[in-house]
Amino acid sequence: MATKGHNEVKESLREMTRIFKPKDPKKFVKEYVRKYRIMGGYEEELTDLVEHEMGKLNSVNSSVS
């Protein structure tokens, strides 16, 4: 995946994570990869990205409460 395209995929996935707040990051990434026809082999990296983003969201939500 080209660097520019790779960064666009990551940013898109971050935004979708913030919007949808998935319960299962692996399933979310699997559906994302299938729907947007992302090349294989990036699922683990993208799952880590989603888990990290969800951690940031949870820390923000817990500090606001």
Protein backbone atom coordinates (compact mmCIF):
# COMPACT_ATOMS: atom_id res chain seq x y z
CA MET A 1 0.00 0.00 0.00
CA ALA A 2 1.40 3.41 -0.89
CA THR A 3 2.30 5.72 1.98
CA LYS A 4 -0.31 8.34 1.06
CA GLY A 5 -3.02 5.70 0.62
CA HIS A 6 -1.95 3.95 3.80
CA ASN A 7 -2.24 7.18 5.80
CA GLU A 8 -5.67 7.86 4.28
CA VAL A 9 -6.87 4.39 5.27
CA LYS A 10 -5.59 4.88 8.83
CA GLU A 11 -7.23 8.30 9.19
CA SER A 12 -10.49 7.01 7.74
CA LEU A 13 -10.46 4.08 10.15
CA ARG A 14 -9.75 6.39 13.10
CA GLU A 15 -12.71 8.58 12.17
CA MET A 16 -15.01 5.59 11.71
CA THR A 17 -13.90 4.23 15.09
CA ARG A 18 -14.80 7.53 16.75
CA ILE A 19 -18.20 7.51 15.02
CA PHE A 20 -19.23 3.87 15.43
CA LYS A 21 -17.38 2.95 18.68
CA PRO A 22 -17.20 -0.76 17.77
CA LYS A 23 -17.53 -3.45 20.43
CA ASP A 24 -15.30 -5.92 18.57
CA PRO A 25 -12.27 -4.30 16.89
CA LYS A 26 -11.32 -7.44 14.91
CA LYS A 27 -14.79 -7.80 13.41
CA PHE A 28 -14.95 -4.06 12.70
CA VAL A 29 -11.61 -4.14 10.85
CA LYS A 30 -12.54 -7.31 8.97
CA GLU A 31 -15.75 -5.68 7.71
CA TYR A 32 -13.90 -2.44 6.89
CA VAL A 33 -11.23 -4.30 4.88
CA ARG A 34 -13.88 -6.26 2.98
CA LYS A 35 -16.15 -3.28 2.33
CA TYR A 36 -13.41 -0.91 1.15
CA ARG A 37 -11.33 -3.61 -0.58
CA ILE A 38 -8.14 -2.98 1.34
CA MET A 39 -5.26 -5.29 0.42
CA GLY A 40 -4.76 -8.22 2.76
CA GLY A 41 -2.06 -8.37 5.38
CA TYR A 42 -2.94 -5.13 7.15
CA GLU A 43 -5.69 -6.46 9.41
CA GLU A 44 -3.48 -6.82 12.49
CA GLU A 45 -2.01 -3.33 12.13
CA LEU A 46 -5.44 -1.81 11.57
CA THR A 47 -6.92 -3.74 14.52
CA ASP A 48 -4.17 -2.32 16.74
CA LEU A 49 -5.03 1.13 15.44
CA VAL A 50 -8.72 0.67 16.29
CA GLU A 51 -7.91 -0.69 19.76
CA HIS A 52 -5.60 2.28 20.41
CA GLU A 53 -8.23 4.77 19.24
CA MET A 54 -10.87 3.09 21.42
CA GLY A 55 -8.49 3.35 24.39
CA LYS A 56 -8.12 7.08 23.76
CA LEU A 57 -11.89 7.46 23.54
CA ASN A 58 -12.41 5.53 26.77
CA SER A 59 -9.80 7.60 28.64
CA VAL A 60 -11.42 10.84 27.45
CA ASN A 61 -14.89 9.62 28.41
CA SER A 62 -13.77 8.48 31.88
CA SER A 63 -11.98 11.79 32.57
CA VAL A 64 -15.08 13.77 31.55
CA SER A 65 -17.41 11.84 33.85
